[in-house]
Amino acid sequence: MLRSRSVSGTALGVLVAVVAIVGTQFLGWEWGSGQTVPTVIGVAVAVFAVALVARRAVS
């Protein structure tokens, strides 16, 4: 079960990295530029990461 979580977590991380690279290189997204889409994506990923770490710390 732990291996499955690790693979899915890695796949999610790669997906987030691809979105970030495409957004910055081709869509002109910049963190803190006041654009809504990159800010929402960044905040959502940060919240998910904190929840994941907290869940692993508790169990």
C-alpha atoms as a PDB file:
ATOM      1  CA  MET A   1       0.000   0.000   0.000  1.00  0.00           C
ATOM      2  CA  LEU A   2       2.838   2.396   0.802  1.00  0.00           C
ATOM      3  CA  ARG A   3       4.375   1.790  -2.638  1.00  0.00           C
ATOM      4  CA  SER A   4       1.074   2.700  -4.317  1.00  0.00           C
ATOM      5  CA  ARG A   5       0.861   5.988  -2.403  1.00  0.00           C
ATOM      6  CA  SER A   6       4.460   6.790  -3.294  1.00  0.00           C
ATOM      7  CA  VAL A   7       3.872   6.221  -7.008  1.00  0.00           C
ATOM      8  CA  SER A   8       0.683   8.283  -7.060  1.00  0.00           C
ATOM      9  CA  GLY A   9       2.369  11.061  -5.073  1.00  0.00           C
ATOM     10  CA  THR A  10       5.268  11.090  -7.522  1.00  0.00           C
ATOM     11  CA  ALA A  11       2.892  11.182 -10.486  1.00  0.00           C
ATOM     12  CA  LEU A  12       1.008  14.106  -8.929  1.00  0.00           C
ATOM     13  CA  GLY A  13       4.272  15.941  -8.295  1.00  0.00           C
ATOM     14  CA  VAL A  14       5.372  15.444 -11.901  1.00  0.00           C
ATOM     15  CA  LEU A  15       2.000  16.703 -13.133  1.00  0.00           C
ATOM     16  CA  VAL A  16       2.267  19.839 -10.988  1.00  0.00           C
ATOM     17  CA  ALA A  17       5.799  20.440 -12.252  1.00  0.00           C
ATOM     18  CA  VAL A  18       4.666  20.109 -15.878  1.00  0.00           C
ATOM     19  CA  VAL A  19       1.794  22.564 -15.313  1.00  0.00           C
ATOM     20  CA  ALA A  20       4.211  25.014 -13.677  1.00  0.00           C
ATOM     21  CA  ILE A  21       6.740  24.760 -16.508  1.00  0.00           C
ATOM     22  CA  VAL A  22       4.120  25.099 -19.247  1.00  0.00           C
ATOM     23  CA  GLY A  23       2.472  27.987 -17.399  1.00  0.00           C
ATOM     24  CA  THR A  24       5.671  29.945 -16.924  1.00  0.00           C
ATOM     25  CA  GLN A  25       7.255  29.247 -20.301  1.00  0.00           C
ATOM     26  CA  PHE A  26       4.252  29.397 -22.626  1.00  0.00           C
ATOM     27  CA  LEU A  27       1.432  31.195 -20.786  1.00  0.00           C
ATOM     28  CA  GLY A  28       3.401  33.971 -19.076  1.00  0.00           C
ATOM     29  CA  TRP A  29       2.388  32.950 -15.559  1.00  0.00           C
ATOM     30  CA  GLU A  30       4.414  34.465 -12.721  1.00  0.00           C
ATOM     31  CA  TRP A  31       4.040  33.944  -9.000  1.00  0.00           C
ATOM     32  CA  GLY A  32       2.874  37.098  -7.249  1.00  0.00           C
ATOM     33  CA  SER A  33       2.011  38.916 -10.457  1.00  0.00           C
ATOM     34  CA  GLY A  34      -1.636  39.290  -9.489  1.00  0.00           C
ATOM     35  CA  GLN A  35      -2.807  36.719 -12.026  1.00  0.00           C
ATOM     36  CA  THR A  36      -5.596  34.564 -10.605  1.00  0.00           C
ATOM     37  CA  VAL A  37      -4.914  31.181 -12.231  1.00  0.00           C
ATOM     38  CA  PRO A  38      -1.296  30.686 -11.113  1.00  0.00           C
ATOM     39  CA  THR A  39      -2.110  31.991  -7.647  1.00  0.00           C
ATOM     40  CA  VAL A  40      -5.050  29.600  -7.232  1.00  0.00           C
ATOM     41  CA  ILE A  41      -2.995  26.646  -8.492  1.00  0.00           C
ATOM     42  CA  GLY A  42      -0.096  27.551  -6.187  1.00  0.00           C
ATOM     43  CA  VAL A  43      -2.309  27.921  -3.129  1.00  0.00           C
ATOM     44  CA  ALA A  44      -4.175  24.672  -3.861  1.00  0.00           C
ATOM     45  CA  VAL A  45      -0.943  22.718  -4.245  1.00  0.00           C
ATOM     46  CA  ALA A  46       0.484  24.244  -1.058  1.00  0.00           C
ATOM     47  CA  VAL A  47      -2.654  23.349   0.922  1.00  0.00           C
ATOM     48  CA  PHE A  48      -2.571  19.801  -0.459  1.00  0.00           C
ATOM     49  CA  ALA A  49       1.117  19.425   0.440  1.00  0.00           C
ATOM     50  CA  VAL A  50       0.579  20.643   4.008  1.00  0.00           C
ATOM     51  CA  ALA A  51      -2.401  18.300   4.426  1.00  0.00           C
ATOM     52  CA  LEU A  52      -0.373  15.365   3.093  1.00  0.00           C
ATOM     53  CA  VAL A  53       2.530  16.039   5.443  1.00  0.00           C
ATOM     54  CA  ALA A  54       0.194  16.502   8.416  1.00  0.00           C
ATOM     55  CA  ARG A  55      -1.632  13.261   7.595  1.00  0.00           C
ATOM     56  CA  ARG A  56       1.630  11.339   7.386  1.00  0.00           C
ATOM     57  CA  ALA A  57       2.867  12.886  10.655  1.00  0.00           C
ATOM     58  CA  VAL A  58      -0.302  11.865  12.493  1.00  0.00           C
ATOM     59  CA  SER A  59      -0.283   8.248  11.262  1.00  0.00           C
END
